[in-house]
Amino acid sequence: MEMVRVSLYNKDHFCSDQAIQWELKDMEVQPIPSLRTISRILYRPELTHRRTGRYEPKGKAYPMLPMNLPNQTQQVDLVGPYFLASPFRFYSLHSIDIAINRCGSPCLQKQRKAL
């Protein structure tokens, strides 16, 4: 497992416990250890550190969505859990229209047009 982790790290790939488990499945290793077992094995030789140095972009161009008009592109985030003076979890779904930087709910914008 240590060699798999070092190999993933040297290739600049994601090298978490889950990634190591996927790599072991691809290598058809049997039996596949649990995530907690992989974590314990990597902890002993101190192979749980994060990447060192600054992030260097690889120059890959990512697709850009159009955001010229209102209600054309929206960003949605699930935020939580919050605990509001009780033991119950509270989650919030935030939707923002990227073009106008306001609430991105299409229902509210349709109501405004109707008024």
Protein backbone atom coordinates (compact mmCIF):
# COMPACT_ATOMS: atom_id res chain seq x y z
CA MET A 1 0.00 0.00 0.00
CA GLU A 2 2.86 2.34 0.69
CA MET A 3 4.18 1.80 -2.83
CA VAL A 4 0.74 2.45 -4.34
CA ARG A 5 0.47 5.70 -2.38
CA VAL A 6 3.97 6.85 -3.39
CA SER A 7 3.23 5.93 -7.01
CA LEU A 8 0.03 7.98 -7.04
CA TYR A 9 1.80 10.89 -5.33
CA ASN A 10 4.66 10.88 -7.85
CA LYS A 11 2.18 10.92 -10.76
CA ASP A 12 0.46 13.98 -9.20
CA HIS A 13 -2.75 11.97 -8.78
CA PHE A 14 -5.22 12.04 -5.92
CA CYS A 15 -3.67 9.82 -3.21
CA SER A 16 -6.22 9.44 -0.41
CA ASP A 17 -7.33 6.20 1.21
CA GLN A 18 -10.21 5.93 -1.27
CA ALA A 19 -7.90 6.44 -4.26
CA ILE A 20 -5.54 3.77 -2.95
CA GLN A 21 -8.45 1.38 -2.50
CA TRP A 22 -9.55 2.01 -6.11
CA GLU A 23 -6.02 1.42 -7.33
CA LEU A 24 -5.85 -1.87 -5.41
CA LYS A 25 -9.16 -2.92 -7.02
CA ASP A 26 -7.71 -2.10 -10.46
CA MET A 27 -4.65 -4.21 -9.60
CA GLU A 28 -7.06 -7.03 -8.59
CA VAL A 29 -5.59 -7.40 -5.10
CA GLN A 30 -7.61 -9.71 -2.86
CA PRO A 31 -8.83 -9.14 -0.19
CA ILE A 32 -9.26 -5.36 -0.46
CA PRO A 33 -8.57 -3.72 2.93
CA SER A 34 -11.05 -1.26 4.42
CA LEU A 35 -10.45 2.49 4.29
CA ARG A 36 -9.64 2.58 8.00
CA THR A 37 -7.04 -0.19 7.58
CA ILE A 38 -5.40 1.67 4.69
CA SER A 39 -5.36 4.83 6.82
CA ARG A 40 -3.66 3.02 9.73
CA ILE A 41 -1.06 1.43 7.46
CA LEU A 42 -0.18 4.80 5.91
CA TYR A 43 -0.07 6.55 9.28
CA ARG A 44 2.77 4.40 10.68
CA PRO A 45 5.44 5.46 8.12
CA GLU A 46 3.99 9.02 8.16
CA LEU A 47 2.68 8.89 4.59
CA THR A 48 -0.44 10.91 5.41
CA HIS A 49 1.03 14.35 4.71
CA ARG A 50 -0.43 16.70 2.13
CA ARG A 51 1.31 17.87 -0.99
CA THR A 52 4.24 20.21 -0.50
CA GLY A 53 4.87 23.41 -2.41
CA ARG A 54 2.51 25.70 -4.27
CA TYR A 55 -0.05 24.56 -6.80
CA GLU A 56 1.22 24.80 -10.34
CA PRO A 57 -1.49 24.92 -13.03
CA LYS A 58 -1.04 22.42 -15.81
CA GLY A 59 -2.30 24.80 -18.53
CA LYS A 60 -5.52 22.87 -19.21
CA ALA A 61 -8.33 25.04 -20.55
CA TYR A 62 -11.59 24.33 -18.76
CA PRO A 63 -14.92 24.95 -20.47
CA MET A 64 -16.57 28.24 -19.57
CA LEU A 65 -20.30 28.50 -19.27
CA PRO A 66 -22.04 31.58 -20.73
CA MET A 67 -23.03 34.14 -18.11
CA ASN A 68 -24.12 37.21 -20.03
CA LEU A 69 -27.84 37.34 -19.29
CA PRO A 70 -29.80 36.90 -16.05
CA ASN A 71 -31.01 33.34 -15.38
CA GLN A 72 -28.53 31.92 -17.91
CA THR A 73 -26.02 30.35 -15.47
CA GLN A 74 -26.54 29.58 -11.79
CA GLN A 75 -24.30 28.30 -9.03
CA VAL A 76 -25.87 26.02 -6.42
CA ASP A 77 -24.27 25.08 -3.08
CA LEU A 78 -25.56 22.85 -0.30
CA VAL A 79 -24.45 24.45 2.97
CA GLY A 80 -24.51 22.75 6.34
CA PRO A 81 -24.98 21.17 8.70
CA TYR A 82 -25.93 23.96 11.07
CA PHE A 83 -27.20 23.39 14.60
CA LEU A 84 -29.66 26.16 15.55
CA ALA A 85 -29.93 25.98 19.36
CA SER A 86 -31.02 22.36 19.10
CA PRO A 87 -29.50 18.97 18.31
CA PHE A 88 -31.19 18.91 14.88
CA ARG A 89 -29.16 19.41 11.73
CA PHE A 90 -30.16 22.20 9.37
CA TYR A 91 -29.05 22.37 5.73
CA SER A 92 -29.51 25.23 3.29
CA LEU A 93 -29.50 25.20 -0.51
CA HIS A 94 -28.06 28.44 -1.92
CA SER A 95 -28.68 29.32 -5.55
CA ILE A 96 -26.96 32.38 -7.05
CA ASP A 97 -27.37 33.80 -10.53
CA ILE A 98 -23.81 34.35 -11.77
CA ALA A 99 -24.63 37.22 -14.18
CA ILE A 100 -26.31 39.49 -11.60
CA ASN A 101 -24.87 38.02 -8.33
CA ARG A 102 -28.29 37.73 -6.73
CA CYS A 103 -30.64 34.98 -5.69
CA GLY A 104 -30.86 32.64 -8.63
CA SER A 105 -34.34 31.22 -8.14
CA PRO A 106 -36.14 31.09 -11.51
CA CYS A 107 -39.52 31.14 -9.72
CA LEU A 108 -38.81 34.54 -8.16
CA GLN A 109 -37.73 35.99 -11.47
CA LYS A 110 -40.89 34.73 -13.20
CA GLN A 111 -43.00 36.36 -10.48
CA ARG A 112 -41.17 39.66 -10.97
CA LYS A 113 -41.86 39.55 -14.71
CA ALA A 114 -45.55 38.91 -14.04
CA LEU A 115 -45.82 41.99 -11.80
